[in-house]
Each structure stands twice: as C-alpha cells, then as structure tokens.
Amino acid sequence: MLTRRENEILACTAIGLSAKEIADHLCRSEFTVLKTISNVKAKVGLQKSTELAASYWIERLGCGLTFSELKKQILASIMSICLIFSCLNFDASRRTGRGYRLIVARRHRIEFIEDIAAA
C-alpha cells in the first residue's frame, strides 16, 4: 500500500522528527517530505500527524487491532470511567435534600424503564 520512501518518512514522523529533520536525513527537500506525509495521510485515511504516528506504532506492535478499532475501545473505556465517576458523584449528593430528590426521581425512572423492558 505504501511505497518504501513513504514508509521511511512515516517511520521518521512516528519517531517525532520534524519535516526539516526528515528532509535533511533523507537528502530531500522539506516540501517533498511534507507532500509525502500528506499523501500517506490520504492513503491511510487519517488527518492528523499524531493519529498517523499512533497507527504506525500500533501496526509495529502487532496487537491485532486497527487504529480505528483501538480508538473505539479507548473511547468506550473513557466513557465507562466517566459514567462510574458520575454515578459516584451522584450518590455522594444524597447528603443534600435536593440531591436526594434527584436520586429518588432517577431511580423511579430506571424502575419504570425496567418495568417496560420486562413487559
């Protein structure tokens, strides 16, 4: 899919070298390196250099996932953690009168939804 030169430039980008440093290392112009990076992004279907570097390292590690699958798993994990913390924070609000009413109201909605699902 990628040419040998594109793979070299991708590897240098993933290491964190700038376009000028890559150009000096490979004896190419900076414009050529930038254009090649742009072509690689278009071929891979990514827009950001950080995503490009991450996808390179994911493929190198050989964990069996594509970059988009890994992004989805990370996002799901972060959302789960946020949900857990919001529930903990919500339960902590029982001490206030208003917070307790909110918990009771939410519990009734949950029970109502469970009753509908059981029917």
PDB file of N, CA and C in Angstrom:
ATOM      1  N   MET A   1       0.822  -1.193   0.000  1.00  0.00           N
ATOM      2  CA  MET A   1       0.000   0.000   0.000  1.00  0.00           C
ATOM      3  C   MET A   1       0.868   1.260   0.000  1.00  0.00           C
ATOM      4  N   LEU A   2       1.818   1.342   0.927  1.00  0.00           N
ATOM      5  CA  LEU A   2       2.737   2.481   0.949  1.00  0.00           C
ATOM      6  C   LEU A   2       4.045   2.092   0.278  1.00  0.00           C
ATOM      7  N   THR A   3       4.658   3.071  -0.359  1.00  0.00           N
ATOM      8  CA  THR A   3       5.945   2.823  -1.003  1.00  0.00           C
ATOM      9  C   THR A   3       7.042   2.766   0.061  1.00  0.00           C
ATOM     10  N   ARG A   4       8.221   2.340  -0.363  1.00  0.00           N
ATOM     11  CA  ARG A   4       9.354   2.258   0.552  1.00  0.00           C
ATOM     12  C   ARG A   4       9.684   3.636   1.122  1.00  0.00           C
ATOM     13  N   ARG A   5       9.693   4.653   0.275  1.00  0.00           N
ATOM     14  CA  ARG A   5      10.005   6.025   0.722  1.00  0.00           C
ATOM     15  C   ARG A   5       8.941   6.542   1.683  1.00  0.00           C
ATOM     16  N   GLU A   6       7.673   6.244   1.392  1.00  0.00           N
ATOM     17  CA  GLU A   6       6.600   6.680   2.284  1.00  0.00           C
ATOM     18  C   GLU A   6       6.728   6.001   3.648  1.00  0.00           C
ATOM     19  N   ASN A   7       7.103   4.730   3.652  1.00  0.00           N
ATOM     20  CA  ASN A   7       7.319   4.035   4.919  1.00  0.00           C
ATOM     21  C   ASN A   7       8.480   4.631   5.705  1.00  0.00           C
ATOM     22  N   GLU A   8       9.551   5.020   5.014  1.00  0.00           N
ATOM     23  CA  GLU A   8      10.689   5.655   5.685  1.00  0.00           C
ATOM     24  C   GLU A   8      10.274   6.969   6.326  1.00  0.00           C
ATOM     25  N   ILE A   9       9.549   7.773   5.565  1.00  0.00           N
ATOM     26  CA  ILE A   9       9.111   9.075   6.082  1.00  0.00           C
ATOM     27  C   ILE A   9       8.109   8.892   7.214  1.00  0.00           C
ATOM     28  N   LEU A  10       7.230   7.905   7.095  1.00  0.00           N
ATOM     29  CA  LEU A  10       6.276   7.616   8.164  1.00  0.00           C
ATOM     30  C   LEU A  10       7.005   7.206   9.440  1.00  0.00           C
ATOM     31  N   ALA A  11       8.023   6.362   9.304  1.00  0.00           N
ATOM     32  CA  ALA A  11       8.799   5.940  10.474  1.00  0.00           C
ATOM     33  C   ALA A  11       9.479   7.130  11.140  1.00  0.00           C
ATOM     34  N   CYS A  12      10.039   8.015  10.343  1.00  0.00           N
ATOM     35  CA  CYS A  12      10.696   9.207  10.900  1.00  0.00           C
ATOM     36  C   CYS A  12       9.677  10.123  11.569  1.00  0.00           C
ATOM     37  N   THR A  13       8.495  10.244  10.993  1.00  0.00           N
ATOM     38  CA  THR A  13       7.437  11.059  11.585  1.00  0.00           C
ATOM     39  C   THR A  13       6.986  10.450  12.906  1.00  0.00           C
ATOM     40  N   ALA A  14       6.859   9.122  12.945  1.00  0.00           N
ATOM     41  CA  ALA A  14       6.424   8.443  14.166  1.00  0.00           C
ATOM     42  C   ALA A  14       7.444   8.589  15.289  1.00  0.00           C
ATOM     43  N   ILE A  15       8.709   8.688  14.939  1.00  0.00           N
ATOM     44  CA  ILE A  15       9.757   8.898  15.940  1.00  0.00           C
ATOM     45  C   ILE A  15       9.658  10.297  16.531  1.00  0.00           C
ATOM     46  N   GLY A  16       9.116  11.235  15.744  1.00  0.00           N
ATOM     47  CA  GLY A  16       8.950  12.596  16.231  1.00  0.00           C
ATOM     48  C   GLY A  16       9.821  13.615  15.532  1.00  0.00           C
ATOM     49  N   LEU A  17      10.445  13.222  14.416  1.00  0.00           N
ATOM     50  CA  LEU A  17      11.268  14.172  13.678  1.00  0.00           C
ATOM     51  C   LEU A  17      10.397  15.163  12.927  1.00  0.00           C
ATOM     52  N   SER A  18      10.877  16.387  12.790  1.00  0.00           N
ATOM     53  CA  SER A  18      10.149  17.396  12.023  1.00  0.00           C
ATOM     54  C   SER A  18      10.398  17.158  10.530  1.00  0.00           C
ATOM     55  N   ALA A  19       9.624  17.836   9.698  1.00  0.00           N
ATOM     56  CA  ALA A  19       9.772  17.684   8.253  1.00  0.00           C
ATOM     57  C   ALA A  19      11.166  18.124   7.806  1.00  0.00           C
ATOM     58  N   LYS A  20      11.683  19.175   8.425  1.00  0.00           N
ATOM     59  CA  LYS A  20      13.026  19.649   8.063  1.00  0.00           C
ATOM     60  C   LYS A  20      14.086  18.616   8.440  1.00  0.00           C
ATOM     61  N   GLU A  21      13.959  18.021   9.616  1.00  0.00           N
ATOM     62  CA  GLU A  21      14.918  16.997  10.046  1.00  0.00           C
ATOM     63  C   GLU A  21      14.852  15.759   9.147  1.00  0.00           C
ATOM     64  N   ILE A  22      13.640  15.384   8.757  1.00  0.00           N
ATOM     65  CA  ILE A  22      13.488  14.240   7.850  1.00  0.00           C
ATOM     66  C   ILE A  22      14.115  14.556   6.502  1.00  0.00           C
ATOM     67  N   ALA A  23      13.873  15.770   6.018  1.00  0.00           N
ATOM     68  CA  ALA A  23      14.430  16.180   4.730  1.00  0.00           C
ATOM     69  C   ALA A  23      15.956  16.155   4.765  1.00  0.00           C
ATOM     70  N   ASP A  24      16.538  16.639   5.852  1.00  0.00           N
ATOM     71  CA  ASP A  24      17.997  16.621   5.978  1.00  0.00           C
ATOM     72  C   ASP A  24      18.521  15.186   6.047  1.00  0.00           C
ATOM     73  N   HIS A  25      17.825  14.333   6.763  1.00  0.00           N
ATOM     74  CA  HIS A  25      18.242  12.943   6.941  1.00  0.00           C
ATOM     75  C   HIS A  25      18.165  12.153   5.631  1.00  0.00           C
ATOM     76  N   LEU A  26      17.114  12.398   4.838  1.00  0.00           N
ATOM     77  CA  LEU A  26      16.914  11.636   3.602  1.00  0.00           C
ATOM     78  C   LEU A  26      17.400  12.366   2.349  1.00  0.00           C
ATOM     79  N   CYS A  27      18.018  13.525   2.525  1.00  0.00           N
ATOM     80  CA  CYS A  27      18.529  14.333   1.409  1.00  0.00           C
ATOM     81  C   CYS A  27      17.412  14.664   0.408  1.00  0.00           C
ATOM     82  N   ARG A  28      16.310  15.123   0.925  1.00  0.00           N
ATOM     83  CA  ARG A  28      15.167  15.560   0.117  1.00  0.00           C
ATOM     84  C   ARG A  28      14.813  16.972   0.541  1.00  0.00           C
ATOM     85  N   SER A  29      13.951  17.606  -0.239  1.00  0.00           N
ATOM     86  CA  SER A  29      13.513  18.941   0.155  1.00  0.00           C
ATOM     87  C   SER A  29      12.412  18.820   1.201  1.00  0.00           C
ATOM     88  N   GLU A  30      12.256  19.865   1.996  1.00  0.00           N
ATOM     89  CA  GLU A  30      11.222  19.874   3.027  1.00  0.00           C
ATOM     90  C   GLU A  30       9.831  19.783   2.398  1.00  0.00           C
ATOM     91  N   PHE A  31       9.634  20.449   1.260  1.00  0.00           N
ATOM     92  CA  PHE A  31       8.354  20.399   0.555  1.00  0.00           C
ATOM     93  C   PHE A  31       8.015  18.967   0.130  1.00  0.00           C
ATOM     94  N   THR A  32       9.013  18.227  -0.358  1.00  0.00           N
ATOM     95  CA  THR A  32       8.798  16.833  -0.780  1.00  0.00           C
ATOM     96  C   THR A  32       8.368  15.980   0.403  1.00  0.00           C
ATOM     97  N   VAL A  33       9.002  16.201   1.547  1.00  0.00           N
ATOM     98  CA  VAL A  33       8.648  15.443   2.754  1.00  0.00           C
ATOM     99  C   VAL A  33       7.227  15.778   3.181  1.00  0.00           C
ATOM    100  N   LEU A  34       6.870  17.061   3.188  1.00  0.00           N
ATOM    101  CA  LEU A  34       5.521  17.459   3.574  1.00  0.00           C
ATOM    102  C   LEU A  34       4.478  16.884   2.622  1.00  0.00           C
ATOM    103  N   LYS A  35       4.789  16.883   1.341  1.00  0.00           N
ATOM    104  CA  LYS A  35       3.866  16.329   0.344  1.00  0.00           C
ATOM    105  C   LYS A  35       3.725  14.817   0.536  1.00  0.00           C
ATOM    106  N   THR A  36       4.815  14.148   0.830  1.00  0.00           N
ATOM    107  CA  THR A  36       4.763  12.705   1.058  1.00  0.00           C
ATOM    108  C   THR A  36       3.939  12.385   2.298  1.00  0.00           C
ATOM    109  N   ILE A  37       4.118  13.156   3.363  1.00  0.00           N
ATOM    110  CA  ILE A  37       3.321  12.958   4.579  1.00  0.00           C
ATOM    111  C   ILE A  37       1.842  13.170   4.269  1.00  0.00           C
ATOM    112  N   SER A  38       1.546  14.171   3.470  1.00  0.00           N
ATOM    113  CA  SER A  38       0.159  14.427   3.059  1.00  0.00           C
ATOM    114  C   SER A  38      -0.403  13.254   2.263  1.00  0.00           C
ATOM    115  N   ASN A  39       0.397  12.692   1.375  1.00  0.00           N
ATOM    116  CA  ASN A  39      -0.034  11.533   0.590  1.00  0.00           C
ATOM    117  C   ASN A  39      -0.269  10.311   1.479  1.00  0.00           C
ATOM    118  N   VAL A  40       0.608  10.120   2.460  1.00  0.00           N
ATOM    119  CA  VAL A  40       0.456   8.987   3.372  1.00  0.00           C
ATOM    120  C   VAL A  40      -0.835   9.136   4.174  1.00  0.00           C
ATOM    121  N   LYS A  41      -1.107  10.342   4.657  1.00  0.00           N
ATOM    122  CA  LYS A  41      -2.344  10.586   5.398  1.00  0.00           C
ATOM    123  C   LYS A  41      -3.560  10.268   4.537  1.00  0.00           C
ATOM    124  N   ALA A  42      -3.509  10.674   3.273  1.00  0.00           N
ATOM    125  CA  ALA A  42      -4.631  10.408   2.367  1.00  0.00           C
ATOM    126  C   ALA A  42      -4.796   8.908   2.115  1.00  0.00           C
ATOM    127  N   LYS A  43      -3.681   8.196   1.949  1.00  0.00           N
ATOM    128  CA  LYS A  43      -3.754   6.752   1.705  1.00  0.00           C
ATOM    129  C   LYS A  43      -4.287   5.991   2.918  1.00  0.00           C
ATOM    130  N   VAL A  44      -3.836   6.402   4.088  1.00  0.00           N
ATOM    131  CA  VAL A  44      -4.225   5.713   5.311  1.00  0.00           C
ATOM    132  C   VAL A  44      -5.619   6.143   5.762  1.00  0.00           C
ATOM    133  N   GLY A  45      -6.026   7.343   5.381  1.00  0.00           N
ATOM    134  CA  GLY A  45      -7.341   7.845   5.757  1.00  0.00           C
ATOM    135  C   GLY A  45      -7.356   8.589   7.074  1.00  0.00           C
ATOM    136  N   LEU A  46      -6.232   9.183   7.437  1.00  0.00           N
ATOM    137  CA  LEU A  46      -6.140   9.956   8.669  1.00  0.00           C
ATOM    138  C   LEU A  46      -5.855  11.412   8.332  1.00  0.00           C
ATOM    139  N   GLN A  47      -6.140  12.298   9.284  1.00  0.00           N
ATOM    140  CA  GLN A  47      -5.946  13.724   9.031  1.00  0.00           C
ATOM    141  C   GLN A  47      -4.849  14.347   9.885  1.00  0.00           C
ATOM    142  N   LYS A  48      -4.576  13.776  11.036  1.00  0.00           N
ATOM    143  CA  LYS A  48      -3.615  14.362  11.967  1.00  0.00           C
ATOM    144  C   LYS A  48      -2.330  13.551  12.005  1.00  0.00           C
ATOM    145  N   SER A  49      -1.236  14.245  12.202  1.00  0.00           N
ATOM    146  CA  SER A  49       0.060  13.574  12.285  1.00  0.00           C
ATOM    147  C   SER A  49       0.154  12.702  13.524  1.00  0.00           C
ATOM    148  N   THR A  50      -0.483  13.105  14.600  1.00  0.00           N
ATOM    149  CA  THR A  50      -0.455  12.297  15.814  1.00  0.00           C
ATOM    150  C   THR A  50      -1.182  10.967  15.599  1.00  0.00           C
ATOM    151  N   GLU A  51      -2.305  11.002  14.867  1.00  0.00           N
ATOM    152  CA  GLU A  51      -3.017   9.769  14.547  1.00  0.00           C
ATOM    153  C   GLU A  51      -2.167   8.878  13.644  1.00  0.00           C
ATOM    154  N   LEU A  52      -1.460   9.513  12.729  1.00  0.00           N
ATOM    155  CA  LEU A  52      -0.592   8.776  11.822  1.00  0.00           C
ATOM    156  C   LEU A  52       0.520   8.068  12.594  1.00  0.00           C
ATOM    157  N   ALA A  53       1.129   8.779  13.526  1.00  0.00           N
ATOM    158  CA  ALA A  53       2.189   8.181  14.344  1.00  0.00           C
ATOM    159  C   ALA A  53       1.627   7.059  15.219  1.00  0.00           C
ATOM    160  N   ALA A  54       0.455   7.275  15.794  1.00  0.00           N
ATOM    161  CA  ALA A  54      -0.157   6.243  16.634  1.00  0.00           C
ATOM    162  C   ALA A  54      -0.475   4.990  15.825  1.00  0.00           C
ATOM    163  N   SER A  55      -1.011   5.163  14.627  1.00  0.00           N
ATOM    164  CA  SER A  55      -1.336   3.999  13.800  1.00  0.00           C
ATOM    165  C   SER A  55      -0.068   3.249  13.395  1.00  0.00           C
ATOM    166  N   TYR A  56       1.014   3.984  13.161  1.00  0.00           N
ATOM    167  CA  TYR A  56       2.296   3.350  12.828  1.00  0.00           C
ATOM    168  C   TYR A  56       2.758   2.457  13.977  1.00  0.00           C
ATOM    169  N   TRP A  57       2.726   2.985  15.210  1.00  0.00           N
ATOM    170  CA  TRP A  57       3.206   2.212  16.349  1.00  0.00           C
ATOM    171  C   TRP A  57       2.270   1.047  16.675  1.00  0.00           C
ATOM    172  N   ILE A  58       0.978   1.212  16.449  1.00  0.00           N
ATOM    173  CA  ILE A  58       0.034   0.109  16.673  1.00  0.00           C
ATOM    174  C   ILE A  58       0.346  -1.034  15.715  1.00  0.00           C
ATOM    175  N   GLU A  59       0.610  -0.699  14.449  1.00  0.00           N
ATOM    176  CA  GLU A  59       0.956  -1.735  13.476  1.00  0.00           C
ATOM    177  C   GLU A  59       2.291  -2.383  13.809  1.00  0.00           C
ATOM    178  N   ARG A  60       3.243  -1.584  14.274  1.00  0.00           N
ATOM    179  CA  ARG A  60       4.558  -2.136  14.622  1.00  0.00           C
ATOM    180  C   ARG A  60       4.487  -3.071  15.823  1.00  0.00           C
ATOM    181  N   LEU A  61       3.625  -2.769  16.772  1.00  0.00           N
ATOM    182  CA  LEU A  61       3.496  -3.617  17.956  1.00  0.00           C
ATOM    183  C   LEU A  61       2.757  -4.903  17.635  1.00  0.00           C
ATOM    184  N   GLY A  62       1.969  -4.882  16.578  1.00  0.00           N
ATOM    185  CA  GLY A  62       1.276  -6.086  16.145  1.00  0.00           C
ATOM    186  C   GLY A  62       0.258  -6.598  17.140  1.00  0.00           C
ATOM    187  N   CYS A  63      -0.550  -5.702  17.704  1.00  0.00           N
ATOM    188  CA  CYS A  63      -1.531  -6.127  18.703  1.00  0.00           C
ATOM    189  C   CYS A  63      -2.805  -6.666  18.068  1.00  0.00           C
ATOM    190  N   GLY A  64      -2.879  -6.714  16.748  1.00  0.00           N
ATOM    191  CA  GLY A  64      -4.030  -7.308  16.077  1.00  0.00           C
ATOM    192  C   GLY A  64      -5.220  -6.388  15.926  1.00  0.00           C
ATOM    193  N   LEU A  65      -5.073  -5.131  16.266  1.00  0.00           N
ATOM    194  CA  LEU A  65      -6.159  -4.170  16.136  1.00  0.00           C
ATOM    195  C   LEU A  65      -5.797  -3.115  15.109  1.00  0.00           C
ATOM    196  N   THR A  66      -6.810  -2.595  14.461  1.00  0.00           N
ATOM    197  CA  THR A  66      -6.579  -1.439  13.604  1.00  0.00           C
ATOM    198  C   THR A  66      -6.663  -0.194  14.473  1.00  0.00           C
ATOM    199  N   PHE A  67      -6.215   0.910  13.929  1.00  0.00           N
ATOM    200  CA  PHE A  67      -6.213   2.155  14.697  1.00  0.00           C
ATOM    201  C   PHE A  67      -7.633   2.579  15.039  1.00  0.00           C
ATOM    202  N   SER A  68      -8.563   2.438  14.099  1.00  0.00           N
ATOM    203  CA  SER A  68      -9.944   2.860  14.371  1.00  0.00           C
ATOM    204  C   SER A  68     -10.591   1.980  15.445  1.00  0.00           C
ATOM    205  N   GLU A  69     -10.307   0.668  15.443  1.00  0.00           N
ATOM    206  CA  GLU A  69     -10.839  -0.210  16.485  1.00  0.00           C
ATOM    207  C   GLU A  69     -10.284   0.163  17.853  1.00  0.00           C
ATOM    208  N   LEU A  70      -9.002   0.474  17.891  1.00  0.00           N
ATOM    209  CA  LEU A  70      -8.383   0.847  19.152  1.00  0.00           C
ATOM    210  C   LEU A  70      -8.958   2.164  19.668  1.00  0.00           C
ATOM    211  N   LYS A  71      -9.182   3.118  18.758  1.00  0.00           N
ATOM    212  CA  LYS A  71      -9.792   4.385  19.162  1.00  0.00           C
ATOM    213  C   LYS A  71     -11.169   4.156  19.760  1.00  0.00           C
ATOM    214  N   LYS A  72     -11.960   3.273  19.149  1.00  0.00           N
ATOM    215  CA  LYS A  72     -13.295   2.979  19.664  1.00  0.00           C
ATOM    216  C   LYS A  72     -13.214   2.349  21.048  1.00  0.00           C
ATOM    217  N   GLN A  73     -12.273   1.432  21.252  1.00  0.00           N
ATOM    218  CA  GLN A  73     -12.135   0.786  22.556  1.00  0.00           C
ATOM    219  C   GLN A  73     -11.698   1.779  23.622  1.00  0.00           C
ATOM    220  N   ILE A  74     -10.776   2.663  23.274  1.00  0.00           N
ATOM    221  CA  ILE A  74     -10.318   3.670  24.233  1.00  0.00           C
ATOM    222  C   ILE A  74     -11.457   4.612  24.581  1.00  0.00           C
ATOM    223  N   LEU A  75     -12.215   5.042  23.589  1.00  0.00           N
ATOM    224  CA  LEU A  75     -13.337   5.944  23.833  1.00  0.00           C
ATOM    225  C   LEU A  75     -14.390   5.278  24.719  1.00  0.00           C
ATOM    226  N   ALA A  76     -14.696   4.005  24.452  1.00  0.00           N
ATOM    227  CA  ALA A  76     -15.665   3.282  25.283  1.00  0.00           C
ATOM    228  C   ALA A  76     -15.166   3.163  26.716  1.00  0.00           C
ATOM    229  N   SER A  77     -13.880   2.920  26.893  1.00  0.00           N
ATOM    230  CA  SER A  77     -13.315   2.810  28.242  1.00  0.00           C
ATOM    231  C   SER A  77     -13.391   4.141  28.979  1.00  0.00           C
ATOM    232  N   ILE A  78     -13.071   5.213  28.297  1.00  0.00           N
ATOM    233  CA  ILE A  78     -13.125   6.540  28.927  1.00  0.00           C
ATOM    234  C   ILE A  78     -14.557   6.894  29.297  1.00  0.00           C
ATOM    235  N   MET A  79     -15.503   6.591  28.414  1.00  0.00           N
ATOM    236  CA  MET A  79     -16.901   6.888  28.718  1.00  0.00           C
ATOM    237  C   MET A  79     -17.386   6.061  29.904  1.00  0.00           C
ATOM    238  N   SER A  80     -16.944   4.810  30.005  1.00  0.00           N
ATOM    239  CA  SER A  80     -17.316   3.968  31.141  1.00  0.00           C
ATOM    240  C   SER A  80     -16.769   4.542  32.438  1.00  0.00           C
ATOM    241  N   ILE A  81     -15.535   4.981  32.416  1.00  0.00           N
ATOM    242  CA  ILE A  81     -14.928   5.583  33.611  1.00  0.00           C
ATOM    243  C   ILE A  81     -15.671   6.850  34.002  1.00  0.00           C
ATOM    244  N   CYS A  82     -16.018   7.675  33.027  1.00  0.00           N
ATOM    245  CA  CYS A  82     -16.774   8.904  33.312  1.00  0.00           C
ATOM    246  C   CYS A  82     -18.139   8.570  33.903  1.00  0.00           C
ATOM    247  N   LEU A  83     -18.782   7.537  33.392  1.00  0.00           N
ATOM    248  CA  LEU A  83     -20.077   7.124  33.914  1.00  0.00           C
ATOM    249  C   LEU A  83     -19.958   6.657  35.360  1.00  0.00           C
ATOM    250  N   ILE A  84     -18.924   5.890  35.656  1.00  0.00           N
ATOM    251  CA  ILE A  84     -18.713   5.415  37.024  1.00  0.00           C
ATOM    252  C   ILE A  84     -18.495   6.597  37.963  1.00  0.00           C
ATOM    253  N   PHE A  85     -17.659   7.554  37.559  1.00  0.00           N
ATOM    254  CA  PHE A  85     -17.405   8.710  38.413  1.00  0.00           C
ATOM    255  C   PHE A  85     -18.643   9.574  38.571  1.00  0.00           C
ATOM    256  N   SER A  86     -19.437   9.699  37.521  1.00  0.00           N
ATOM    257  CA  SER A  86     -20.657  10.500  37.650  1.00  0.00           C
ATOM    258  C   SER A  86     -21.643   9.815  38.589  1.00  0.00           C
ATOM    259  N   CYS A  87     -21.706   8.484  38.563  1.00  0.00           N
ATOM    260  CA  CYS A  87     -22.580   7.761  39.493  1.00  0.00           C
ATOM    261  C   CYS A  87     -22.086   7.923  40.922  1.00  0.00           C
ATOM    262  N   LEU A  88     -20.783   7.851  41.125  1.00  0.00           N
ATOM    263  CA  LEU A  88     -20.243   8.035  42.464  1.00  0.00           C
ATOM    264  C   LEU A  88     -20.514   9.443  42.962  1.00  0.00           C
ATOM    265  N   ASN A  89     -20.350  10.402  42.103  1.00  0.00           N
ATOM    266  CA  ASN A  89     -20.602  11.789  42.456  1.00  0.00           C
ATOM    267  C   ASN A  89     -22.087  11.990  42.723  1.00  0.00           C
ATOM    268  N   PHE A  90     -22.935  11.344  41.969  1.00  0.00           N
ATOM    269  CA  PHE A  90     -24.375  11.476  42.136  1.00  0.00           C
ATOM    270  C   PHE A  90     -24.808  10.861  43.454  1.00  0.00           C
ATOM    271  N   ASP A  91     -24.256   9.716  43.823  1.00  0.00           N
ATOM    272  CA  ASP A  91     -24.589   9.092  45.104  1.00  0.00           C
ATOM    273  C   ASP A  91     -24.088   9.930  46.272  1.00  0.00           C
ATOM    274  N   ALA A  92     -22.986  10.629  46.085  1.00  0.00           N
ATOM    275  CA  ALA A  92     -22.457  11.471  47.148  1.00  0.00           C
ATOM    276  C   ALA A  92     -23.366  12.663  47.420  1.00  0.00           C
ATOM    277  N   SER A  93     -24.241  12.999  46.479  1.00  0.00           N
ATOM    278  CA  SER A  93     -25.112  14.159  46.677  1.00  0.00           C
ATOM    279  C   SER A  93     -26.330  13.819  47.531  1.00  0.00           C
ATOM    280  N   ARG A  94     -26.410  12.607  48.077  1.00  0.00           N
ATOM    281  CA  ARG A  94     -27.535  12.225  48.937  1.00  0.00           C
ATOM    282  C   ARG A  94     -27.613  13.087  50.189  1.00  0.00           C
ATOM    283  N   ARG A  95     -26.521  13.625  50.593  1.00  0.00           N
ATOM    284  CA  ARG A  95     -26.479  14.391  51.841  1.00  0.00           C
ATOM    285  C   ARG A  95     -27.326  15.655  51.754  1.00  0.00           C
ATOM    286  N   THR A  96     -27.495  16.189  50.583  1.00  0.00           N
ATOM    287  CA  THR A  96     -28.313  17.390  50.434  1.00  0.00           C
ATOM    288  C   THR A  96     -29.737  16.983  50.087  1.00  0.00           C
ATOM    289  N   GLY A  97     -30.674  17.797  50.505  1.00  0.00           N
ATOM    290  CA  GLY A  97     -32.076  17.495  50.244  1.00  0.00           C
ATOM    291  C   GLY A  97     -32.385  17.441  48.757  1.00  0.00           C
ATOM    292  N   ARG A  98     -31.894  18.378  48.009  1.00  0.00           N
ATOM    293  CA  ARG A  98     -32.177  18.430  46.570  1.00  0.00           C
ATOM    294  C   ARG A  98     -31.541  17.240  45.857  1.00  0.00           C
ATOM    295  N   GLY A  99     -30.304  16.912  46.234  1.00  0.00           N
ATOM    296  CA  GLY A  99     -29.631  15.781  45.618  1.00  0.00           C
ATOM    297  C   GLY A  99     -30.370  14.482  45.866  1.00  0.00           C
ATOM    298  N   TYR A 100     -30.939  14.332  47.058  1.00  0.00           N
ATOM    299  CA  TYR A 100     -31.665  13.109  47.370  1.00  0.00           C
ATOM    300  C   TYR A 100     -32.906  12.984  46.497  1.00  0.00           C
ATOM    301  N   ARG A 101     -33.600  14.081  46.298  1.00  0.00           N
ATOM    302  CA  ARG A 101     -34.788  14.044  45.443  1.00  0.00           C
ATOM    303  C   ARG A 101     -34.416  13.657  44.018  1.00  0.00           C
ATOM    304  N   LEU A 102     -33.263  14.150  43.566  1.00  0.00           N
ATOM    305  CA  LEU A 102     -32.836  13.794  42.219  1.00  0.00           C
ATOM    306  C   LEU A 102     -32.557  12.297  42.110  1.00  0.00           C
ATOM    307  N   ILE A 103     -31.945  11.723  43.135  1.00  0.00           N
ATOM    308  CA  ILE A 103     -31.663  10.290  43.126  1.00  0.00           C
ATOM    309  C   ILE A 103     -32.953   9.495  43.118  1.00  0.00           C
ATOM    310  N   VAL A 104     -33.905   9.886  43.954  1.00  0.00           N
ATOM    311  CA  VAL A 104     -35.182   9.187  44.013  1.00  0.00           C
ATOM    312  C   VAL A 104     -35.891   9.285  42.674  1.00  0.00           C
ATOM    313  N   ALA A 105     -35.884  10.482  42.074  1.00  0.00           N
ATOM    314  CA  ALA A 105     -36.538  10.660  40.779  1.00  0.00           C
ATOM    315  C   ALA A 105     -35.852   9.802  39.722  1.00  0.00           C
ATOM    316  N   ARG A 106     -34.558   9.749  39.742  1.00  0.00           N
ATOM    317  CA  ARG A 106     -33.842   8.951  38.753  1.00  0.00           C
ATOM    318  C   ARG A 106     -34.124   7.462  38.974  1.00  0.00           C
ATOM    319  N   ARG A 107     -34.189   7.029  40.215  1.00  0.00           N
ATOM    320  CA  ARG A 107     -34.473   5.623  40.491  1.00  0.00           C
ATOM    321  C   ARG A 107     -35.857   5.240  39.987  1.00  0.00           C
ATOM    322  N   HIS A 108     -36.841   6.128  40.147  1.00  0.00           N
ATOM    323  CA  HIS A 108     -38.186   5.831  39.645  1.00  0.00           C
ATOM    324  C   HIS A 108     -38.174   5.694  38.133  1.00  0.00           C
ATOM    325  N   ARG A 109     -37.426   6.545  37.465  1.00  0.00           N
ATOM    326  CA  ARG A 109     -37.329   6.444  36.009  1.00  0.00           C
ATOM    327  C   ARG A 109     -36.679   5.132  35.605  1.00  0.00           C
ATOM    328  N   ILE A 110     -35.652   4.737  36.311  1.00  0.00           N
ATOM    329  CA  ILE A 110     -34.969   3.481  35.998  1.00  0.00           C
ATOM    330  C   ILE A 110     -35.903   2.303  36.239  1.00  0.00           C
ATOM    331  N   GLU A 111     -36.626   2.309  37.363  1.00  0.00           N
ATOM    332  CA  GLU A 111     -37.574   1.239  37.627  1.00  0.00           C
ATOM    333  C   GLU A 111     -38.653   1.201  36.570  1.00  0.00           C
ATOM    334  N   PHE A 112     -39.117   2.366  36.143  1.00  0.00           N
ATOM    335  CA  PHE A 112     -40.150   2.440  35.121  1.00  0.00           C
ATOM    336  C   PHE A 112     -39.629   1.854  33.813  1.00  0.00           C
ATOM    337  N   ILE A 113     -38.405   2.185  33.477  1.00  0.00           N
ATOM    338  CA  ILE A 113     -37.811   1.649  32.245  1.00  0.00           C
ATOM    339  C   ILE A 113     -37.640   0.139  32.364  1.00  0.00           C
ATOM    340  N   GLU A 114     -37.233  -0.352  33.544  1.00  0.00           N
ATOM    341  CA  GLU A 114     -37.082  -1.795  33.732  1.00  0.00           C
ATOM    342  C   GLU A 114     -38.428  -2.495  33.648  1.00  0.00           C
ATOM    343  N   ASP A 115     -39.496  -1.870  34.171  1.00  0.00           N
ATOM    344  CA  ASP A 115     -40.832  -2.459  34.076  1.00  0.00           C
ATOM    345  C   ASP A 115     -41.293  -2.573  32.629  1.00  0.00           C
ATOM    346  N   ILE A 116     -40.993  -1.574  31.817  1.00  0.00           N
ATOM    347  CA  ILE A 116     -41.357  -1.611  30.395  1.00  0.00           C
ATOM    348  C   ILE A 116     -40.577  -2.712  29.702  1.00  0.00           C
ATOM    349  N   ALA A 117     -39.311  -2.841  30.012  1.00  0.00           N
ATOM    350  CA  ALA A 117     -38.479  -3.868  29.379  1.00  0.00           C
ATOM    351  C   ALA A 117     -38.948  -5.268  29.768  1.00  0.00           C
ATOM    352  N   ALA A 118     -39.446  -5.438  30.999  1.00  0.00           N
ATOM    353  CA  ALA A 118     -39.899  -6.744  31.431  1.00  0.00           C
ATOM    354  C   ALA A 118     -41.220  -7.148  30.781  1.00  0.00           C
ATOM    355  N   ALA A 119     -42.020  -6.173  30.372  1.00  0.00           N
ATOM    356  CA  ALA A 119     -43.346  -6.459  29.783  1.00  0.00           C
ATOM    357  C   ALA A 119     -43.270  -6.998  28.385  1.00  0.00           C
TER     358      ALA A 119
END
